[in-house]
């Protein structure tokens, strides 16, 4: 919802202008 990542079906991509947040995106999958 913040536009950090884009989702196309089951493909997730970190937006180019949000790559500095890649650790936060990865952490979203850390159970």
ModelCIF file with pLDDT and N, C-alpha, C, O atoms, coordinates in Angstrom:
data_MODEL
#
_entry.id   MODEL 
#
_entity.id                         1 
_entity.type                       polymer 
_entity.pdbx_number_of_molecules   1 
#
_entity_poly.entity_id                      1 
_entity_poly.type                           'polypeptide(L)' 
_entity_poly.nstd_linkage                   no 
_entity_poly.nstd_monomer                   no 
_entity_poly.pdbx_seq_one_letter_code       
;(UNK)(UNK)(UNK)(UNK)(UNK)(UNK)(UNK)(UNK)(UNK)(UNK)(UNK)(UNK)(UNK)(UNK)(UNK)(UNK)
(UNK)(UNK)(UNK)(UNK)(UNK)(UNK)(UNK)(UNK)(UNK)(UNK)(UNK)(UNK)(UNK)(UNK)(UNK)
;
_entity_poly.pdbx_seq_one_letter_code_can   XXXXXXXXXXXXXXXXXXXXXXXXXXXXXXX 
_entity_poly.pdbx_strand_id                 A 
#
loop_
_entity_poly_seq.entity_id 
_entity_poly_seq.num 
_entity_poly_seq.mon_id 
_entity_poly_seq.hetero 
1 1  UNK n 
1 2  UNK n 
1 3  UNK n 
1 4  UNK n 
1 5  UNK n 
1 6  UNK n 
1 7  UNK n 
1 8  UNK n 
1 9  UNK n 
1 10 UNK n 
1 11 UNK n 
1 12 UNK n 
1 13 UNK n 
1 14 UNK n 
1 15 UNK n 
1 16 UNK n 
1 17 UNK n 
1 18 UNK n 
1 19 UNK n 
1 20 UNK n 
1 21 UNK n 
1 22 UNK n 
1 23 UNK n 
1 24 UNK n 
1 25 UNK n 
1 26 UNK n 
1 27 UNK n 
1 28 UNK n 
1 29 UNK n 
1 30 UNK n 
1 31 UNK n 
#
_struct_asym.id          A 
_struct_asym.entity_id   1 
#
loop_
_ma_qa_metric.id 
_ma_qa_metric.mode 
_ma_qa_metric.name 
_ma_qa_metric.software_group_id 
_ma_qa_metric.type 
1 global pLDDT . pLDDT 
2 local  pLDDT . pLDDT 
#
_ma_qa_metric_global.metric_id      1 
_ma_qa_metric_global.metric_value   95.35 
_ma_qa_metric_global.model_id       1 
_ma_qa_metric_global.ordinal_id     1 
#
loop_
_ma_qa_metric_local.label_asym_id 
_ma_qa_metric_local.label_comp_id 
_ma_qa_metric_local.label_seq_id 
_ma_qa_metric_local.metric_id 
_ma_qa_metric_local.metric_value 
_ma_qa_metric_local.model_id 
_ma_qa_metric_local.ordinal_id 
A UNK 1  2 94.00 1 1  
A UNK 2  2 95.00 1 2  
A UNK 3  2 95.00 1 3  
A UNK 4  2 96.00 1 4  
A UNK 5  2 96.00 1 5  
A UNK 6  2 96.00 1 6  
A UNK 7  2 95.00 1 7  
A UNK 8  2 96.00 1 8  
A UNK 9  2 94.00 1 9  
A UNK 10 2 94.00 1 10 
A UNK 11 2 96.00 1 11 
A UNK 12 2 96.00 1 12 
A UNK 13 2 97.00 1 13 
A UNK 14 2 97.00 1 14 
A UNK 15 2 97.00 1 15 
A UNK 16 2 97.00 1 16 
A UNK 17 2 97.00 1 17 
A UNK 18 2 96.00 1 18 
A UNK 19 2 97.00 1 19 
A UNK 20 2 96.00 1 20 
A UNK 21 2 96.00 1 21 
A UNK 22 2 97.00 1 22 
A UNK 23 2 95.00 1 23 
A UNK 24 2 94.00 1 24 
A UNK 25 2 96.00 1 25 
A UNK 26 2 96.00 1 26 
A UNK 27 2 94.00 1 27 
A UNK 28 2 94.00 1 28 
A UNK 29 2 94.00 1 29 
A UNK 30 2 93.00 1 30 
A UNK 31 2 90.00 1 31 
#
loop_
_atom_site.group_PDB 
_atom_site.id 
_atom_site.type_symbol 
_atom_site.label_atom_id 
_atom_site.label_alt_id 
_atom_site.label_comp_id 
_atom_site.label_asym_id 
_atom_site.label_entity_id 
_atom_site.label_seq_id 
_atom_site.pdbx_PDB_ins_code 
_atom_site.Cartn_x 
_atom_site.Cartn_y 
_atom_site.Cartn_z 
_atom_site.occupancy 
_atom_site.B_iso_or_equiv 
_atom_site.pdbx_formal_charge 
_atom_site.auth_seq_id 
_atom_site.auth_comp_id 
_atom_site.auth_asym_id 
_atom_site.auth_atom_id 
_atom_site.pdbx_PDB_model_num 
ATOM 1   N N  . UNK A 1 1  ? 0.816  -1.214  0.000   1.00 94.00 ? 1  UNK A N  1 
ATOM 2   C CA . UNK A 1 1  ? 0.000  0.000   0.000   1.00 94.00 ? 1  UNK A CA 1 
ATOM 3   C C  . UNK A 1 1  ? 0.851  1.266   0.000   1.00 94.00 ? 1  UNK A C  1 
ATOM 4   O O  . UNK A 1 1  ? 0.408  2.314   -0.469  1.00 94.00 ? 1  UNK A O  1 
ATOM 5   N N  . UNK A 1 2  ? 2.077  1.172   0.526   1.00 95.00 ? 2  UNK A N  1 
ATOM 6   C CA . UNK A 1 2  ? 2.982  2.321   0.519   1.00 95.00 ? 2  UNK A CA 1 
ATOM 7   C C  . UNK A 1 2  ? 3.704  2.475   -0.822  1.00 95.00 ? 2  UNK A C  1 
ATOM 8   O O  . UNK A 1 2  ? 4.403  3.465   -1.038  1.00 95.00 ? 2  UNK A O  1 
ATOM 9   N N  . UNK A 1 3  ? 3.539  1.504   -1.718  1.00 95.00 ? 3  UNK A N  1 
ATOM 10  C CA . UNK A 1 3  ? 4.181  1.586   -3.026  1.00 95.00 ? 3  UNK A CA 1 
ATOM 11  C C  . UNK A 1 3  ? 5.644  1.197   -3.026  1.00 95.00 ? 3  UNK A C  1 
ATOM 12  O O  . UNK A 1 3  ? 6.361  1.495   -3.981  1.00 95.00 ? 3  UNK A O  1 
ATOM 13  N N  . UNK A 1 4  ? 6.096  0.542   -1.979  1.00 96.00 ? 4  UNK A N  1 
ATOM 14  C CA . UNK A 1 4  ? 7.493  0.099   -1.897  1.00 96.00 ? 4  UNK A CA 1 
ATOM 15  C C  . UNK A 1 4  ? 7.725  -1.091  -2.824  1.00 96.00 ? 4  UNK A C  1 
ATOM 16  O O  . UNK A 1 4  ? 8.771  -1.204  -3.462  1.00 96.00 ? 4  UNK A O  1 
ATOM 17  N N  . UNK A 1 5  ? 6.737  -1.968  -2.885  1.00 96.00 ? 5  UNK A N  1 
ATOM 18  C CA . UNK A 1 5  ? 6.828  -3.151  -3.741  1.00 96.00 ? 5  UNK A CA 1 
ATOM 19  C C  . UNK A 1 5  ? 5.643  -3.176  -4.699  1.00 96.00 ? 5  UNK A C  1 
ATOM 20  O O  . UNK A 1 5  ? 4.592  -2.588  -4.442  1.00 96.00 ? 5  UNK A O  1 
ATOM 21  N N  . UNK A 1 6  ? 5.848  -3.876  -5.811  1.00 96.00 ? 6  UNK A N  1 
ATOM 22  C CA . UNK A 1 6  ? 4.783  -4.082  -6.781  1.00 96.00 ? 6  UNK A CA 1 
ATOM 23  C C  . UNK A 1 6  ? 4.540  -5.579  -6.891  1.00 96.00 ? 6  UNK A C  1 
ATOM 24  O O  . UNK A 1 6  ? 5.471  -6.382  -6.817  1.00 96.00 ? 6  UNK A O  1 
ATOM 25  N N  . UNK A 1 7  ? 3.291  -5.938  -7.067  1.00 95.00 ? 7  UNK A N  1 
ATOM 26  C CA . UNK A 1 7  ? 2.912  -7.340  -7.154  1.00 95.00 ? 7  UNK A CA 1 
ATOM 27  C C  . UNK A 1 7  ? 2.197  -7.576  -8.472  1.00 95.00 ? 7  UNK A C  1 
ATOM 28  O O  . UNK A 1 7  ? 1.228  -6.893  -8.803  1.00 95.00 ? 7  UNK A O  1 
ATOM 29  N N  . UNK A 1 8  ? 2.693  -8.562  -9.223  1.00 96.00 ? 8  UNK A N  1 
ATOM 30  C CA . UNK A 1 8  ? 2.072  -8.958  -10.490 1.00 96.00 ? 8  UNK A CA 1 
ATOM 31  C C  . UNK A 1 8  ? 1.822  -10.452 -10.393 1.00 96.00 ? 8  UNK A C  1 
ATOM 32  O O  . UNK A 1 8  ? 2.718  -11.257 -10.650 1.00 96.00 ? 8  UNK A O  1 
ATOM 33  N N  . UNK A 1 9  ? 0.604  -10.821 -10.021 1.00 94.00 ? 9  UNK A N  1 
ATOM 34  C CA . UNK A 1 9  ? 0.309  -12.233 -9.772  1.00 94.00 ? 9  UNK A CA 1 
ATOM 35  C C  . UNK A 1 9  ? 1.074  -12.680 -8.537  1.00 94.00 ? 9  UNK A C  1 
ATOM 36  O O  . UNK A 1 9  ? 0.843  -12.178 -7.437  1.00 94.00 ? 9  UNK A O  1 
ATOM 37  N N  . UNK A 1 10 ? 1.996  -13.635 -8.727  1.00 94.00 ? 10 UNK A N  1 
ATOM 38  C CA . UNK A 1 10 ? 2.825  -14.105 -7.611  1.00 94.00 ? 10 UNK A CA 1 
ATOM 39  C C  . UNK A 1 10 ? 4.259  -13.608 -7.736  1.00 94.00 ? 10 UNK A C  1 
ATOM 40  O O  . UNK A 1 10 ? 5.157  -14.125 -7.072  1.00 94.00 ? 10 UNK A O  1 
ATOM 41  N N  . UNK A 1 11 ? 4.475  -12.610 -8.582  1.00 96.00 ? 11 UNK A N  1 
ATOM 42  C CA . UNK A 1 11 ? 5.804  -12.015 -8.735  1.00 96.00 ? 11 UNK A CA 1 
ATOM 43  C C  . UNK A 1 11 ? 5.846  -10.684 -8.003  1.00 96.00 ? 11 UNK A C  1 
ATOM 44  O O  . UNK A 1 11 ? 5.035  -9.790  -8.242  1.00 96.00 ? 11 UNK A O  1 
ATOM 45  N N  . UNK A 1 12 ? 6.795  -10.583 -7.124  1.00 96.00 ? 12 UNK A N  1 
ATOM 46  C CA . UNK A 1 12 ? 6.941  -9.400  -6.296  1.00 96.00 ? 12 UNK A CA 1 
ATOM 47  C C  . UNK A 1 12 ? 8.229  -8.696  -6.701  1.00 96.00 ? 12 UNK A C  1 
ATOM 48  O O  . UNK A 1 12 ? 9.249  -9.355  -6.906  1.00 96.00 ? 12 UNK A O  1 
ATOM 49  N N  . UNK A 1 13 ? 8.204  -7.373  -6.819  1.00 97.00 ? 13 UNK A N  1 
ATOM 50  C CA . UNK A 1 13 ? 9.390  -6.601  -7.173  1.00 97.00 ? 13 UNK A CA 1 
ATOM 51  C C  . UNK A 1 13 ? 9.488  -5.373  -6.292  1.00 97.00 ? 13 UNK A C  1 
ATOM 52  O O  . UNK A 1 13 ? 8.502  -4.673  -6.065  1.00 97.00 ? 13 UNK A O  1 
ATOM 53  N N  . UNK A 1 14 ? 10.688 -5.121  -5.799  1.00 97.00 ? 14 UNK A N  1 
ATOM 54  C CA . UNK A 1 14 ? 10.945 -3.898  -5.043  1.00 97.00 ? 14 UNK A CA 1 
ATOM 55  C C  . UNK A 1 14 ? 11.146 -2.785  -6.070  1.00 97.00 ? 14 UNK A C  1 
ATOM 56  O O  . UNK A 1 14 ? 11.974 -2.907  -6.973  1.00 97.00 ? 14 UNK A O  1 
ATOM 57  N N  . UNK A 1 15 ? 10.391 -1.711  -5.929  1.00 97.00 ? 15 UNK A N  1 
ATOM 58  C CA . UNK A 1 15 ? 10.507 -0.595  -6.876  1.00 97.00 ? 15 UNK A CA 1 
ATOM 59  C C  . UNK A 1 15 ? 11.927 -0.030  -6.841  1.00 97.00 ? 15 UNK A C  1 
ATOM 60  O O  . UNK A 1 15 ? 12.574 -0.019  -5.793  1.00 97.00 ? 15 UNK A O  1 
ATOM 61  N N  . UNK A 1 16 ? 12.399 0.434   -7.987  1.00 97.00 ? 16 UNK A N  1 
ATOM 62  C CA . UNK A 1 16 ? 13.760 0.971   -8.082  1.00 97.00 ? 16 UNK A CA 1 
ATOM 63  C C  . UNK A 1 16 ? 14.021 2.073   -7.063  1.00 97.00 ? 16 UNK A C  1 
ATOM 64  O O  . UNK A 1 16 ? 15.094 2.120   -6.462  1.00 97.00 ? 16 UNK A O  1 
ATOM 65  N N  . UNK A 1 17 ? 13.057 2.950   -6.867  1.00 97.00 ? 17 UNK A N  1 
ATOM 66  C CA . UNK A 1 17 ? 13.258 4.055   -5.929  1.00 97.00 ? 17 UNK A CA 1 
ATOM 67  C C  . UNK A 1 17 ? 13.101 3.649   -4.467  1.00 97.00 ? 17 UNK A C  1 
ATOM 68  O O  . UNK A 1 17 ? 13.249 4.478   -3.568  1.00 97.00 ? 17 UNK A O  1 
ATOM 69  N N  . UNK A 1 18 ? 12.800 2.361   -4.229  1.00 96.00 ? 18 UNK A N  1 
ATOM 70  C CA . UNK A 1 18 ? 12.638 1.862   -2.863  1.00 96.00 ? 18 UNK A CA 1 
ATOM 71  C C  . UNK A 1 18 ? 13.638 0.771   -2.520  1.00 96.00 ? 18 UNK A C  1 
ATOM 72  O O  . UNK A 1 18 ? 13.496 0.100   -1.498  1.00 96.00 ? 18 UNK A O  1 
ATOM 73  N N  . UNK A 1 19 ? 14.637 0.588   -3.353  1.00 97.00 ? 19 UNK A N  1 
ATOM 74  C CA . UNK A 1 19 ? 15.597 -0.493  -3.117  1.00 97.00 ? 19 UNK A CA 1 
ATOM 75  C C  . UNK A 1 19 ? 16.340 -0.364  -1.789  1.00 97.00 ? 19 UNK A C  1 
ATOM 76  O O  . UNK A 1 19 ? 16.796 -1.366  -1.237  1.00 97.00 ? 19 UNK A O  1 
ATOM 77  N N  . UNK A 1 20 ? 16.464 0.827   -1.286  1.00 96.00 ? 20 UNK A N  1 
ATOM 78  C CA . UNK A 1 20 ? 17.118 1.000   0.008   1.00 96.00 ? 20 UNK A CA 1 
ATOM 79  C C  . UNK A 1 20 ? 16.305 0.348   1.137   1.00 96.00 ? 20 UNK A C  1 
ATOM 80  O O  . UNK A 1 20 ? 16.811 0.188   2.248   1.00 96.00 ? 20 UNK A O  1 
ATOM 81  N N  . UNK A 1 21 ? 15.061 -0.026  0.862   1.00 96.00 ? 21 UNK A N  1 
ATOM 82  C CA . UNK A 1 21 ? 14.198 -0.685  1.845   1.00 96.00 ? 21 UNK A CA 1 
ATOM 83  C C  . UNK A 1 21 ? 14.133 -2.201  1.647   1.00 96.00 ? 21 UNK A C  1 
ATOM 84  O O  . UNK A 1 21 ? 13.238 -2.858  2.181   1.00 96.00 ? 21 UNK A O  1 
ATOM 85  N N  . UNK A 1 22 ? 15.071 -2.757  0.887   1.00 97.00 ? 22 UNK A N  1 
ATOM 86  C CA . UNK A 1 22 ? 15.014 -4.178  0.554   1.00 97.00 ? 22 UNK A CA 1 
ATOM 87  C C  . UNK A 1 22 ? 15.015 -5.061  1.805   1.00 97.00 ? 22 UNK A C  1 
ATOM 88  O O  . UNK A 1 22 ? 14.367 -6.108  1.813   1.00 97.00 ? 22 UNK A O  1 
ATOM 89  N N  . UNK A 1 23 ? 15.719 -4.667  2.845   1.00 95.00 ? 23 UNK A N  1 
ATOM 90  C CA . UNK A 1 23 ? 15.735 -5.468  4.080   1.00 95.00 ? 23 UNK A CA 1 
ATOM 91  C C  . UNK A 1 23 ? 14.355 -5.501  4.733   1.00 95.00 ? 23 UNK A C  1 
ATOM 92  O O  . UNK A 1 23 ? 13.961 -6.521  5.298   1.00 95.00 ? 23 UNK A O  1 
ATOM 93  N N  . UNK A 1 24 ? 13.633 -4.409  4.661   1.00 94.00 ? 24 UNK A N  1 
ATOM 94  C CA . UNK A 1 24 ? 12.277 -4.387  5.214   1.00 94.00 ? 24 UNK A CA 1 
ATOM 95  C C  . UNK A 1 24 ? 11.347 -5.285  4.416   1.00 94.00 ? 24 UNK A C  1 
ATOM 96  O O  . UNK A 1 24 ? 10.467 -5.933  4.984   1.00 94.00 ? 24 UNK A O  1 
ATOM 97  N N  . UNK A 1 25 ? 11.535 -5.327  3.102   1.00 96.00 ? 25 UNK A N  1 
ATOM 98  C CA . UNK A 1 25 ? 10.715 -6.203  2.264   1.00 96.00 ? 25 UNK A CA 1 
ATOM 99  C C  . UNK A 1 25 ? 11.022 -7.657  2.589   1.00 96.00 ? 25 UNK A C  1 
ATOM 100 O O  . UNK A 1 25 ? 10.110 -8.466  2.757   1.00 96.00 ? 25 UNK A O  1 
ATOM 101 N N  . UNK A 1 26 ? 12.302 -7.990  2.679   1.00 96.00 ? 26 UNK A N  1 
ATOM 102 C CA . UNK A 1 26 ? 12.693 -9.364  3.020   1.00 96.00 ? 26 UNK A CA 1 
ATOM 103 C C  . UNK A 1 26 ? 12.172 -9.742  4.402   1.00 96.00 ? 26 UNK A C  1 
ATOM 104 O O  . UNK A 1 26 ? 11.720 -10.868 4.609   1.00 96.00 ? 26 UNK A O  1 
ATOM 105 N N  . UNK A 1 27 ? 12.233 -8.819  5.337   1.00 94.00 ? 27 UNK A N  1 
ATOM 106 C CA . UNK A 1 27 ? 11.776 -9.090  6.708   1.00 94.00 ? 27 UNK A CA 1 
ATOM 107 C C  . UNK A 1 27 ? 10.289 -9.410  6.763   1.00 94.00 ? 27 UNK A C  1 
ATOM 108 O O  . UNK A 1 27 ? 9.832  -10.079 7.690   1.00 94.00 ? 27 UNK A O  1 
ATOM 109 N N  . UNK A 1 28 ? 9.539  -8.940  5.787   1.00 94.00 ? 28 UNK A N  1 
ATOM 110 C CA . UNK A 1 28 ? 8.102  -9.231  5.753   1.00 94.00 ? 28 UNK A CA 1 
ATOM 111 C C  . UNK A 1 28 ? 7.841  -10.725 5.602   1.00 94.00 ? 28 UNK A C  1 
ATOM 112 O O  . UNK A 1 28 ? 6.750  -11.194 5.926   1.00 94.00 ? 28 UNK A O  1 
ATOM 113 N N  . UNK A 1 29 ? 8.820  -11.475 5.117   1.00 94.00 ? 29 UNK A N  1 
ATOM 114 C CA . UNK A 1 29 ? 8.675  -12.919 4.944   1.00 94.00 ? 29 UNK A CA 1 
ATOM 115 C C  . UNK A 1 29 ? 9.351  -13.721 6.046   1.00 94.00 ? 29 UNK A C  1 
ATOM 116 O O  . UNK A 1 29 ? 9.339  -14.951 6.007   1.00 94.00 ? 29 UNK A O  1 
ATOM 117 N N  . UNK A 1 30 ? 9.938  -13.048 7.027   1.00 93.00 ? 30 UNK A N  1 
ATOM 118 C CA . UNK A 1 30 ? 10.637 -13.734 8.111   1.00 93.00 ? 30 UNK A CA 1 
ATOM 119 C C  . UNK A 1 30 ? 9.651  -14.083 9.221   1.00 93.00 ? 30 UNK A C  1 
ATOM 120 O O  . UNK A 1 30 ? 9.239  -13.219 9.995   1.00 93.00 ? 30 UNK A O  1 
ATOM 121 N N  . UNK A 1 31 ? 9.281  -15.355 9.290   1.00 90.00 ? 31 UNK A N  1 
ATOM 122 C CA . UNK A 1 31 ? 8.293  -15.805 10.279  1.00 90.00 ? 31 UNK A CA 1 
ATOM 123 C C  . UNK A 1 31 ? 8.848  -15.779 11.702  1.00 90.00 ? 31 UNK A C  1 
ATOM 124 O O  . UNK A 1 31 ? 8.141  -16.129 12.647  1.00 90.00 ? 31 UNK A O  1 
#
